[in-house]
Amino acid sequence: MADDNNSKAVWFLVGAAVGGAIALLFAPKSGRDTRRYIVKKTEESRDALADAGKELLDRGREYYEKGRKIAEEAGEVFERGRKLVKG
């Protein structure tokens, strides 16, 4: 479910960037000002996407570690149960 929300957020940012670029193409500014603005917004969007990617990677690592610990604990419990059954 968290992955679905993150995917939606990324697509929202991409859509916002594309929409902003299209709006700029029709804005009543000079070509030079418009290009500067597009470059600035593109860099900001790139940085925002990089930050979101880093956050997703960190969360993925966190969930991996939690899952690994749970699996280890389950393995230990299973082994203890197996020893108890064998006597």
N, C-alpha and C. Protein backbone atom coordinates (compact mmCIF):
# COMPACT_ATOMS: atom_id res chain seq x y z
N MET A 1 0.82 -1.19 0.00
CA MET A 1 0.00 0.00 0.00
C MET A 1 0.87 1.25 0.00
N ALA A 2 1.98 1.24 0.76
CA ALA A 2 2.89 2.39 0.79
C ALA A 2 3.54 2.58 -0.57
N ASP A 3 3.87 1.47 -1.26
CA ASP A 3 4.45 1.57 -2.58
C ASP A 3 3.49 2.21 -3.56
N ASP A 4 2.19 1.88 -3.43
CA ASP A 4 1.18 2.46 -4.30
C ASP A 4 1.10 3.96 -4.09
N ASN A 5 1.14 4.40 -2.83
CA ASN A 5 1.10 5.84 -2.54
C ASN A 5 2.33 6.55 -3.06
N ASN A 6 3.51 5.91 -2.92
CA ASN A 6 4.74 6.52 -3.41
C ASN A 6 4.72 6.62 -4.93
N SER A 7 4.20 5.59 -5.58
CA SER A 7 4.08 5.60 -7.03
C SER A 7 3.16 6.74 -7.48
N LYS A 8 2.06 6.91 -6.78
CA LYS A 8 1.14 7.99 -7.12
C LYS A 8 1.81 9.35 -6.93
N ALA A 9 2.61 9.48 -5.87
CA ALA A 9 3.29 10.75 -5.62
C ALA A 9 4.29 11.06 -6.72
N VAL A 10 5.02 10.05 -7.17
CA VAL A 10 6.00 10.26 -8.24
C VAL A 10 5.29 10.68 -9.52
N TRP A 11 4.21 9.98 -9.87
CA TRP A 11 3.47 10.33 -11.09
C TRP A 11 2.84 11.72 -10.98
N PHE A 12 2.42 12.09 -9.77
CA PHE A 12 1.88 13.43 -9.57
C PHE A 12 2.95 14.48 -9.86
N LEU A 13 4.16 14.25 -9.33
CA LEU A 13 5.26 15.19 -9.56
C LEU A 13 5.61 15.29 -11.04
N VAL A 14 5.64 14.16 -11.72
CA VAL A 14 5.94 14.15 -13.15
C VAL A 14 4.85 14.93 -13.90
N GLY A 15 3.59 14.67 -13.57
CA GLY A 15 2.49 15.38 -14.21
C GLY A 15 2.54 16.88 -13.96
N ALA A 16 2.89 17.23 -12.73
CA ALA A 16 2.99 18.65 -12.39
C ALA A 16 4.11 19.32 -13.19
N ALA A 17 5.23 18.62 -13.34
CA ALA A 17 6.35 19.17 -14.10
C ALA A 17 5.98 19.35 -15.57
N VAL A 18 5.34 18.35 -16.15
CA VAL A 18 4.94 18.44 -17.56
C VAL A 18 3.91 19.56 -17.73
N GLY A 19 2.93 19.60 -16.85
CA GLY A 19 1.92 20.66 -16.92
C GLY A 19 2.54 22.04 -16.78
N GLY A 20 3.48 22.16 -15.87
CA GLY A 20 4.16 23.45 -15.69
C GLY A 20 4.95 23.85 -16.93
N ALA A 21 5.62 22.88 -17.54
CA ALA A 21 6.40 23.17 -18.75
C ALA A 21 5.48 23.62 -19.88
N ILE A 22 4.35 22.97 -20.03
CA ILE A 22 3.40 23.36 -21.08
C ILE A 22 2.86 24.76 -20.81
N ALA A 23 2.54 25.03 -19.57
CA ALA A 23 2.02 26.36 -19.22
C ALA A 23 3.07 27.44 -19.52
N LEU A 24 4.33 27.12 -19.26
CA LEU A 24 5.39 28.09 -19.52
C LEU A 24 5.53 28.40 -21.01
N LEU A 25 5.32 27.38 -21.83
CA LEU A 25 5.45 27.59 -23.26
C LEU A 25 4.43 28.60 -23.79
N PHE A 26 3.32 28.73 -23.08
CA PHE A 26 2.30 29.67 -23.50
C PHE A 26 2.29 30.94 -22.65
N ALA A 27 3.26 31.08 -21.77
CA ALA A 27 3.33 32.25 -20.87
C ALA A 27 3.82 33.47 -21.65
N PRO A 28 3.37 34.64 -21.24
CA PRO A 28 3.78 35.87 -21.95
C PRO A 28 5.12 36.41 -21.44
N LYS A 29 6.17 35.59 -21.50
CA LYS A 29 7.51 36.03 -21.10
C LYS A 29 8.43 35.87 -22.30
N SER A 30 9.60 36.49 -22.21
CA SER A 30 10.57 36.35 -23.29
C SER A 30 11.11 34.93 -23.31
N GLY A 31 11.64 34.53 -24.43
CA GLY A 31 12.20 33.18 -24.58
C GLY A 31 13.31 32.92 -23.58
N ARG A 32 14.18 33.89 -23.37
CA ARG A 32 15.30 33.73 -22.45
C ARG A 32 14.78 33.53 -21.02
N ASP A 33 13.83 34.34 -20.59
CA ASP A 33 13.27 34.20 -19.24
C ASP A 33 12.57 32.86 -19.07
N THR A 34 11.84 32.46 -20.10
CA THR A 34 11.12 31.19 -20.04
C THR A 34 12.10 30.02 -19.95
N ARG A 35 13.17 30.05 -20.74
CA ARG A 35 14.17 28.97 -20.70
C ARG A 35 14.84 28.91 -19.34
N ARG A 36 15.17 30.05 -18.79
CA ARG A 36 15.79 30.08 -17.45
C ARG A 36 14.85 29.47 -16.41
N TYR A 37 13.59 29.86 -16.51
CA TYR A 37 12.59 29.35 -15.56
C TYR A 37 12.42 27.83 -15.71
N ILE A 38 12.38 27.36 -16.96
CA ILE A 38 12.24 25.91 -17.20
C ILE A 38 13.45 25.18 -16.63
N VAL A 39 14.64 25.68 -16.85
CA VAL A 39 15.86 25.04 -16.33
C VAL A 39 15.81 25.00 -14.80
N LYS A 40 15.42 26.10 -14.19
CA LYS A 40 15.35 26.17 -12.73
C LYS A 40 14.34 25.15 -12.20
N LYS A 41 13.15 25.12 -12.79
CA LYS A 41 12.11 24.20 -12.31
C LYS A 41 12.49 22.74 -12.59
N THR A 42 13.16 22.50 -13.69
CA THR A 42 13.61 21.14 -13.99
C THR A 42 14.61 20.67 -12.95
N GLU A 43 15.54 21.54 -12.59
CA GLU A 43 16.52 21.18 -11.56
C GLU A 43 15.84 20.94 -10.21
N GLU A 44 14.88 21.77 -9.87
CA GLU A 44 14.15 21.59 -8.61
C GLU A 44 13.38 20.26 -8.62
N SER A 45 12.76 19.95 -9.76
CA SER A 45 12.01 18.71 -9.86
C SER A 45 12.95 17.51 -9.78
N ARG A 46 14.08 17.61 -10.44
CA ARG A 46 15.07 16.52 -10.39
C ARG A 46 15.53 16.29 -8.96
N ASP A 47 15.80 17.36 -8.25
CA ASP A 47 16.23 17.23 -6.86
C ASP A 47 15.13 16.63 -5.99
N ALA A 48 13.88 17.05 -6.23
CA ALA A 48 12.76 16.50 -5.45
C ALA A 48 12.59 15.01 -5.73
N LEU A 49 12.72 14.61 -6.99
CA LEU A 49 12.60 13.19 -7.32
C LEU A 49 13.75 12.39 -6.73
N ALA A 50 14.95 12.96 -6.72
CA ALA A 50 16.11 12.28 -6.13
C ALA A 50 15.89 12.09 -4.63
N ASP A 51 15.37 13.12 -3.98
CA ASP A 51 15.09 13.01 -2.55
C ASP A 51 14.04 11.96 -2.27
N ALA A 52 13.00 11.92 -3.10
CA ALA A 52 11.94 10.92 -2.93
C ALA A 52 12.51 9.52 -3.15
N GLY A 53 13.40 9.38 -4.12
CA GLY A 53 14.03 8.08 -4.36
C GLY A 53 14.88 7.63 -3.20
N LYS A 54 15.62 8.56 -2.62
CA LYS A 54 16.44 8.23 -1.45
C LYS A 54 15.56 7.81 -0.28
N GLU A 55 14.46 8.51 -0.10
CA GLU A 55 13.53 8.17 0.98
C GLU A 55 12.95 6.77 0.77
N LEU A 56 12.57 6.47 -0.46
CA LEU A 56 12.04 5.14 -0.77
C LEU A 56 13.09 4.06 -0.52
N LEU A 57 14.32 4.34 -0.90
CA LEU A 57 15.40 3.38 -0.68
C LEU A 57 15.64 3.16 0.81
N ASP A 58 15.63 4.23 1.58
CA ASP A 58 15.80 4.10 3.02
C ASP A 58 14.67 3.29 3.65
N ARG A 59 13.45 3.55 3.22
CA ARG A 59 12.30 2.79 3.74
C ARG A 59 12.41 1.32 3.36
N GLY A 60 12.83 1.07 2.13
CA GLY A 60 13.01 -0.30 1.68
C GLY A 60 14.03 -1.04 2.53
N ARG A 61 15.12 -0.39 2.83
CA ARG A 61 16.15 -0.99 3.69
C ARG A 61 15.60 -1.26 5.08
N GLU A 62 14.85 -0.30 5.59
CA GLU A 62 14.25 -0.44 6.92
C GLU A 62 13.30 -1.63 6.96
N TYR A 63 12.43 -1.73 5.95
CA TYR A 63 11.49 -2.86 5.90
C TYR A 63 12.21 -4.18 5.71
N TYR A 64 13.27 -4.18 4.93
CA TYR A 64 14.06 -5.40 4.74
C TYR A 64 14.63 -5.86 6.07
N GLU A 65 15.21 -4.94 6.82
CA GLU A 65 15.80 -5.29 8.12
C GLU A 65 14.74 -5.82 9.09
N LYS A 66 13.58 -5.16 9.11
CA LYS A 66 12.50 -5.63 9.98
C LYS A 66 12.06 -7.04 9.58
N GLY A 67 11.91 -7.27 8.29
CA GLY A 67 11.51 -8.58 7.80
C GLY A 67 12.55 -9.65 8.12
N ARG A 68 13.81 -9.28 7.98
CA ARG A 68 14.90 -10.22 8.27
C ARG A 68 14.88 -10.60 9.75
N LYS A 69 14.68 -9.63 10.62
CA LYS A 69 14.63 -9.91 12.06
C LYS A 69 13.44 -10.81 12.41
N ILE A 70 12.31 -10.51 11.81
CA ILE A 70 11.12 -11.34 12.06
C ILE A 70 11.36 -12.76 11.59
N ALA A 71 11.98 -12.92 10.43
CA ALA A 71 12.26 -14.25 9.90
C ALA A 71 13.24 -15.00 10.81
N GLU A 72 14.24 -14.31 11.31
CA GLU A 72 15.19 -14.95 12.23
C GLU A 72 14.50 -15.39 13.52
N GLU A 73 13.66 -14.52 14.06
CA GLU A 73 12.94 -14.87 15.29
C GLU A 73 12.00 -16.05 15.04
N ALA A 74 11.33 -16.06 13.90
CA ALA A 74 10.43 -17.17 13.58
C ALA A 74 11.22 -18.46 13.43
N GLY A 75 12.40 -18.38 12.84
CA GLY A 75 13.25 -19.56 12.71
C GLY A 75 13.69 -20.09 14.06
N GLU A 76 14.02 -19.19 14.98
CA GLU A 76 14.42 -19.60 16.32
C GLU A 76 13.26 -20.27 17.06
N VAL A 77 12.08 -19.69 16.94
CA VAL A 77 10.90 -20.27 17.58
C VAL A 77 10.62 -21.65 16.99
N PHE A 78 10.71 -21.77 15.69
CA PHE A 78 10.48 -23.06 15.03
C PHE A 78 11.49 -24.09 15.53
N GLU A 79 12.74 -23.69 15.62
CA GLU A 79 13.79 -24.62 16.08
C GLU A 79 13.54 -25.05 17.51
N ARG A 80 13.15 -24.11 18.37
CA ARG A 80 12.84 -24.47 19.77
C ARG A 80 11.66 -25.44 19.83
N GLY A 81 10.64 -25.19 19.03
CA GLY A 81 9.48 -26.07 18.99
C GLY A 81 9.86 -27.45 18.48
N ARG A 82 10.70 -27.52 17.49
CA ARG A 82 11.13 -28.80 16.95
C ARG A 82 11.90 -29.60 18.01
N LYS A 83 12.76 -28.93 18.77
CA LYS A 83 13.53 -29.59 19.83
C LYS A 83 12.60 -30.10 20.93
N LEU A 84 11.57 -29.31 21.26
CA LEU A 84 10.61 -29.73 22.29
C LEU A 84 9.83 -30.96 21.84
N VAL A 85 9.46 -31.00 20.59
CA VAL A 85 8.69 -32.14 20.08
C VAL A 85 9.54 -33.41 20.06
N LYS A 86 10.81 -33.26 19.70
CA LYS A 86 11.71 -34.42 19.65
C LYS A 86 12.03 -34.93 21.06
N GLY A 87 11.97 -34.06 22.01
CA GLY A 87 12.13 -34.48 23.38
C GLY A 87 13.44 -34.24 23.93
